[in-house]
Amino acid sequence: MNKKVLFLLALFCLVLASPLFAQQAGGGRGDLAILGLALGAGIAIGVAAHGAGLAQGRAVAAALEGIARNPGASGKIFTPMIIGLALIESLAIYGLVIAFILQGKI
């Protein structure tokens, strides 16, 4: 993504989030706040899954390329690759936890 698209996405998120902090007269949660929490939960898991999928694909591709170039090093490449995949997957699980927390506030 180029910088202009990222800037517009960040600006859109800020504009969308600003009315969420407005208080109603009764102190209850408004429809816009519920919408924001639901969108936040969906975006959290979507971004986490997208990023984890791209990172895992790139890590496995690099590991397989290294093994293809030097088959004798497969034992030394395999273990760090599995550890890296576990760490990448933990970030996706954090996104899922954030989505569950936001969904619990609806």
N, C-alpha and C. Protein backbone atom coordinates (compact mmCIF):
# COMPACT_ATOMS: atom_id res chain seq x y z
N MET A 1 0.84 -1.19 0.00
CA MET A 1 0.00 0.00 0.00
C MET A 1 0.88 1.24 0.00
N ASN A 2 0.43 2.23 -0.73
CA ASN A 2 1.22 3.44 -0.70
C ASN A 2 0.79 4.33 0.46
N LYS A 3 1.54 5.38 0.69
CA LYS A 3 1.33 6.23 1.86
C LYS A 3 0.01 6.98 1.79
N LYS A 4 -0.44 7.32 0.59
CA LYS A 4 -1.69 8.06 0.47
C LYS A 4 -2.88 7.20 0.91
N VAL A 5 -2.88 5.94 0.54
CA VAL A 5 -3.97 5.04 0.92
C VAL A 5 -3.96 4.82 2.43
N LEU A 6 -2.78 4.63 3.02
CA LEU A 6 -2.70 4.46 4.46
C LEU A 6 -3.15 5.71 5.21
N PHE A 7 -2.80 6.88 4.70
CA PHE A 7 -3.22 8.13 5.32
C PHE A 7 -4.73 8.27 5.26
N LEU A 8 -5.32 7.97 4.11
CA LEU A 8 -6.78 8.07 3.98
C LEU A 8 -7.49 7.05 4.87
N LEU A 9 -6.93 5.86 5.01
CA LEU A 9 -7.52 4.85 5.89
C LEU A 9 -7.46 5.30 7.34
N ALA A 10 -6.33 5.86 7.75
CA ALA A 10 -6.21 6.35 9.13
C ALA A 10 -7.15 7.52 9.37
N LEU A 11 -7.27 8.41 8.40
CA LEU A 11 -8.19 9.55 8.54
C LEU A 11 -9.63 9.07 8.63
N PHE A 12 -9.99 8.07 7.83
CA PHE A 12 -11.34 7.52 7.88
C PHE A 12 -11.63 6.91 9.25
N CYS A 13 -10.66 6.18 9.80
CA CYS A 13 -10.86 5.57 11.12
C CYS A 13 -11.00 6.63 12.20
N LEU A 14 -10.23 7.70 12.12
CA LEU A 14 -10.35 8.77 13.10
C LEU A 14 -11.69 9.48 13.01
N VAL A 15 -12.16 9.74 11.80
CA VAL A 15 -13.45 10.40 11.62
C VAL A 15 -14.57 9.50 12.09
N LEU A 16 -14.46 8.20 11.84
CA LEU A 16 -15.47 7.26 12.28
C LEU A 16 -15.49 7.12 13.79
N ALA A 17 -14.34 7.21 14.43
CA ALA A 17 -14.27 6.98 15.87
C ALA A 17 -14.66 8.20 16.68
N SER A 18 -14.61 9.39 16.14
CA SER A 18 -14.86 10.58 16.95
C SER A 18 -16.27 10.66 17.53
N PRO A 19 -17.35 10.30 16.83
CA PRO A 19 -18.66 10.36 17.46
C PRO A 19 -18.91 9.27 18.49
N LEU A 20 -18.04 8.29 18.58
CA LEU A 20 -18.25 7.20 19.51
C LEU A 20 -18.12 7.64 20.96
N PHE A 21 -17.44 8.75 21.19
CA PHE A 21 -17.22 9.21 22.55
C PHE A 21 -18.30 10.19 23.01
N ALA A 22 -19.28 10.46 22.17
CA ALA A 22 -20.36 11.37 22.55
C ALA A 22 -21.29 10.66 23.54
N GLN A 23 -21.77 11.41 24.52
CA GLN A 23 -22.65 10.86 25.54
C GLN A 23 -24.10 11.11 25.19
N GLN A 24 -24.95 10.14 25.48
CA GLN A 24 -26.37 10.35 25.33
C GLN A 24 -26.92 10.92 26.63
N ALA A 25 -28.16 11.41 26.56
CA ALA A 25 -28.77 12.02 27.74
C ALA A 25 -28.97 10.98 28.85
N GLY A 26 -29.36 9.79 28.50
CA GLY A 26 -29.61 8.75 29.51
C GLY A 26 -28.35 8.04 29.96
N GLY A 27 -27.23 8.33 29.36
CA GLY A 27 -25.98 7.67 29.73
C GLY A 27 -25.80 6.32 29.07
N GLY A 28 -26.77 5.90 28.23
CA GLY A 28 -26.68 4.62 27.55
C GLY A 28 -25.80 4.71 26.32
N ARG A 29 -25.58 3.57 25.71
CA ARG A 29 -24.77 3.52 24.52
C ARG A 29 -25.64 3.76 23.29
N GLY A 30 -25.19 4.62 22.40
CA GLY A 30 -25.95 4.93 21.21
C GLY A 30 -25.74 3.90 20.11
N ASP A 31 -26.53 4.02 19.08
CA ASP A 31 -26.41 3.09 17.95
C ASP A 31 -25.08 3.25 17.24
N LEU A 32 -24.56 4.47 17.20
CA LEU A 32 -23.28 4.70 16.54
C LEU A 32 -22.13 4.05 17.30
N ALA A 33 -22.24 4.06 18.63
CA ALA A 33 -21.19 3.42 19.43
C ALA A 33 -21.20 1.91 19.22
N ILE A 34 -22.38 1.33 19.15
CA ILE A 34 -22.48 -0.11 18.91
C ILE A 34 -21.95 -0.44 17.52
N LEU A 35 -22.27 0.41 16.55
CA LEU A 35 -21.75 0.21 15.20
C LEU A 35 -20.23 0.27 15.20
N GLY A 36 -19.67 1.23 15.90
CA GLY A 36 -18.22 1.36 15.97
C GLY A 36 -17.55 0.18 16.62
N LEU A 37 -18.15 -0.34 17.69
CA LEU A 37 -17.59 -1.52 18.34
C LEU A 37 -17.66 -2.75 17.43
N ALA A 38 -18.78 -2.90 16.72
CA ALA A 38 -18.91 -4.03 15.81
C ALA A 38 -17.93 -3.92 14.65
N LEU A 39 -17.78 -2.72 14.10
CA LEU A 39 -16.80 -2.53 13.02
C LEU A 39 -15.38 -2.76 13.52
N GLY A 40 -15.09 -2.29 14.73
CA GLY A 40 -13.76 -2.48 15.30
C GLY A 40 -13.43 -3.95 15.48
N ALA A 41 -14.43 -4.73 15.94
CA ALA A 41 -14.20 -6.18 16.12
C ALA A 41 -13.94 -6.85 14.78
N GLY A 42 -14.73 -6.50 13.78
CA GLY A 42 -14.54 -7.10 12.46
C GLY A 42 -13.23 -6.70 11.82
N ILE A 43 -12.87 -5.44 11.95
CA ILE A 43 -11.62 -4.96 11.36
C ILE A 43 -10.42 -5.57 12.09
N ALA A 44 -10.53 -5.73 13.41
CA ALA A 44 -9.41 -6.29 14.18
C ALA A 44 -9.07 -7.69 13.72
N ILE A 45 -10.07 -8.54 13.59
CA ILE A 45 -9.78 -9.92 13.18
C ILE A 45 -9.42 -9.98 11.70
N GLY A 46 -10.00 -9.10 10.89
CA GLY A 46 -9.68 -9.09 9.47
C GLY A 46 -8.23 -8.68 9.21
N VAL A 47 -7.79 -7.63 9.86
CA VAL A 47 -6.41 -7.16 9.69
C VAL A 47 -5.43 -8.18 10.25
N ALA A 48 -5.78 -8.77 11.40
CA ALA A 48 -4.88 -9.75 12.00
C ALA A 48 -4.74 -10.99 11.11
N ALA A 49 -5.85 -11.46 10.57
CA ALA A 49 -5.78 -12.65 9.71
C ALA A 49 -5.05 -12.35 8.41
N HIS A 50 -5.29 -11.17 7.85
CA HIS A 50 -4.62 -10.79 6.60
C HIS A 50 -3.11 -10.68 6.81
N GLY A 51 -2.71 -9.97 7.85
CA GLY A 51 -1.29 -9.81 8.12
C GLY A 51 -0.60 -11.12 8.44
N ALA A 52 -1.26 -11.96 9.24
CA ALA A 52 -0.66 -13.24 9.59
C ALA A 52 -0.54 -14.15 8.37
N GLY A 53 -1.54 -14.13 7.51
CA GLY A 53 -1.48 -14.95 6.30
C GLY A 53 -0.35 -14.54 5.38
N LEU A 54 -0.20 -13.22 5.20
CA LEU A 54 0.90 -12.75 4.36
C LEU A 54 2.26 -13.08 4.96
N ALA A 55 2.40 -12.87 6.26
CA ALA A 55 3.68 -13.13 6.91
C ALA A 55 4.03 -14.61 6.91
N GLN A 56 3.04 -15.45 7.18
CA GLN A 56 3.33 -16.88 7.18
C GLN A 56 3.67 -17.39 5.79
N GLY A 57 2.98 -16.89 4.79
CA GLY A 57 3.30 -17.28 3.42
C GLY A 57 4.70 -16.88 3.02
N ARG A 58 5.08 -15.67 3.41
CA ARG A 58 6.42 -15.20 3.07
C ARG A 58 7.50 -15.99 3.83
N ALA A 59 7.23 -16.32 5.09
CA ALA A 59 8.21 -17.06 5.89
C ALA A 59 8.40 -18.48 5.35
N VAL A 60 7.31 -19.13 5.01
CA VAL A 60 7.41 -20.50 4.49
C VAL A 60 8.08 -20.50 3.12
N ALA A 61 7.75 -19.51 2.29
CA ALA A 61 8.38 -19.44 0.97
C ALA A 61 9.88 -19.25 1.10
N ALA A 62 10.31 -18.40 2.01
CA ALA A 62 11.74 -18.18 2.20
C ALA A 62 12.42 -19.43 2.74
N ALA A 63 11.75 -20.12 3.66
CA ALA A 63 12.34 -21.34 4.21
C ALA A 63 12.45 -22.42 3.15
N LEU A 64 11.42 -22.59 2.35
CA LEU A 64 11.47 -23.61 1.30
C LEU A 64 12.50 -23.26 0.23
N GLU A 65 12.67 -21.99 -0.05
CA GLU A 65 13.70 -21.60 -1.01
C GLU A 65 15.09 -21.91 -0.45
N GLY A 66 15.28 -21.67 0.84
CA GLY A 66 16.56 -21.99 1.46
C GLY A 66 16.83 -23.48 1.47
N ILE A 67 15.79 -24.27 1.72
CA ILE A 67 15.95 -25.73 1.71
C ILE A 67 16.22 -26.23 0.30
N ALA A 68 15.57 -25.61 -0.69
CA ALA A 68 15.79 -26.03 -2.08
C ALA A 68 17.22 -25.72 -2.52
N ARG A 69 17.78 -24.63 -2.05
CA ARG A 69 19.15 -24.27 -2.43
C ARG A 69 20.18 -25.14 -1.71
N ASN A 70 19.86 -25.52 -0.46
CA ASN A 70 20.79 -26.32 0.33
C ASN A 70 20.01 -27.35 1.12
N PRO A 71 19.73 -28.51 0.55
CA PRO A 71 18.92 -29.52 1.24
C PRO A 71 19.54 -30.01 2.55
N GLY A 72 20.83 -29.90 2.69
CA GLY A 72 21.49 -30.34 3.92
C GLY A 72 21.18 -29.45 5.11
N ALA A 73 20.73 -28.26 4.86
CA ALA A 73 20.44 -27.32 5.95
C ALA A 73 18.98 -27.35 6.37
N SER A 74 18.23 -28.34 5.91
CA SER A 74 16.79 -28.35 6.22
C SER A 74 16.52 -28.46 7.71
N GLY A 75 17.35 -29.20 8.43
CA GLY A 75 17.16 -29.31 9.89
C GLY A 75 17.39 -28.01 10.61
N LYS A 76 18.36 -27.22 10.13
CA LYS A 76 18.66 -25.93 10.76
C LYS A 76 17.65 -24.86 10.37
N ILE A 77 16.95 -25.03 9.27
CA ILE A 77 15.96 -24.04 8.82
C ILE A 77 14.58 -24.34 9.38
N PHE A 78 14.27 -25.63 9.55
CA PHE A 78 12.92 -26.03 9.91
C PHE A 78 12.50 -25.53 11.29
N THR A 79 13.35 -25.70 12.30
CA THR A 79 12.99 -25.31 13.67
C THR A 79 12.78 -23.81 13.83
N PRO A 80 13.68 -22.96 13.34
CA PRO A 80 13.39 -21.52 13.45
C PRO A 80 12.15 -21.09 12.65
N MET A 81 11.88 -21.80 11.55
CA MET A 81 10.67 -21.46 10.78
C MET A 81 9.43 -21.77 11.60
N ILE A 82 9.38 -22.90 12.27
CA ILE A 82 8.22 -23.26 13.09
C ILE A 82 8.06 -22.28 14.25
N ILE A 83 9.15 -21.87 14.87
CA ILE A 83 9.07 -20.90 15.96
C ILE A 83 8.56 -19.56 15.42
N GLY A 84 9.05 -19.15 14.26
CA GLY A 84 8.58 -17.91 13.65
C GLY A 84 7.11 -17.97 13.29
N LEU A 85 6.65 -19.11 12.77
CA LEU A 85 5.23 -19.26 12.44
C LEU A 85 4.38 -19.20 13.70
N ALA A 86 4.85 -19.77 14.80
CA ALA A 86 4.10 -19.70 16.06
C ALA A 86 4.00 -18.27 16.56
N LEU A 87 5.08 -17.50 16.43
CA LEU A 87 5.04 -16.11 16.86
C LEU A 87 4.11 -15.28 15.97
N ILE A 88 4.13 -15.54 14.69
CA ILE A 88 3.23 -14.83 13.78
C ILE A 88 1.78 -15.18 14.10
N GLU A 89 1.52 -16.44 14.37
CA GLU A 89 0.15 -16.86 14.69
C GLU A 89 -0.32 -16.26 16.01
N SER A 90 0.61 -16.04 16.94
CA SER A 90 0.21 -15.42 18.22
C SER A 90 -0.32 -14.01 17.99
N LEU A 91 0.21 -13.30 17.00
CA LEU A 91 -0.31 -11.97 16.70
C LEU A 91 -1.73 -12.05 16.16
N ALA A 92 -2.03 -13.07 15.37
CA ALA A 92 -3.40 -13.25 14.89
C ALA A 92 -4.33 -13.60 16.04
N ILE A 93 -3.84 -14.35 17.00
CA ILE A 93 -4.66 -14.69 18.17
C ILE A 93 -4.91 -13.46 19.01
N TYR A 94 -3.95 -12.55 19.11
CA TYR A 94 -4.19 -11.29 19.82
C TYR A 94 -5.30 -10.49 19.14
N GLY A 95 -5.31 -10.48 17.82
CA GLY A 95 -6.40 -9.81 17.09
C GLY A 95 -7.74 -10.45 17.39
N LEU A 96 -7.77 -11.77 17.49
CA LEU A 96 -9.01 -12.47 17.83
C LEU A 96 -9.46 -12.13 19.25
N VAL A 97 -8.53 -12.03 20.18
CA VAL A 97 -8.87 -11.66 21.56
C VAL A 97 -9.44 -10.25 21.60
N ILE A 98 -8.83 -9.32 20.86
CA ILE A 98 -9.34 -7.95 20.80
C ILE A 98 -10.74 -7.93 20.21
N ALA A 99 -10.98 -8.73 19.18
CA ALA A 99 -12.32 -8.81 18.58
C ALA A 99 -13.33 -9.33 19.59
N PHE A 100 -12.95 -10.34 20.38
CA PHE A 100 -13.87 -10.86 21.39
C PHE A 100 -14.15 -9.84 22.48
N ILE A 101 -13.13 -9.10 22.88
CA ILE A 101 -13.33 -8.06 23.91
C ILE A 101 -14.28 -6.98 23.39
N LEU A 102 -14.07 -6.54 22.16
CA LEU A 102 -14.95 -5.52 21.59
C LEU A 102 -16.36 -6.05 21.41
N GLN A 103 -16.49 -7.31 21.02
CA GLN A 103 -17.81 -7.89 20.85
C GLN A 103 -18.52 -8.02 22.19
N GLY A 104 -17.79 -8.26 23.26
CA GLY A 104 -18.39 -8.36 24.58
C GLY A 104 -18.93 -7.04 25.09
N LYS A 105 -18.44 -5.92 24.55
CA LYS A 105 -18.91 -4.60 24.96
C LYS A 105 -20.16 -4.16 24.21
N ILE A 106 -20.57 -4.92 23.22
CA ILE A 106 -21.77 -4.54 22.44
C ILE A 106 -23.01 -4.83 23.26
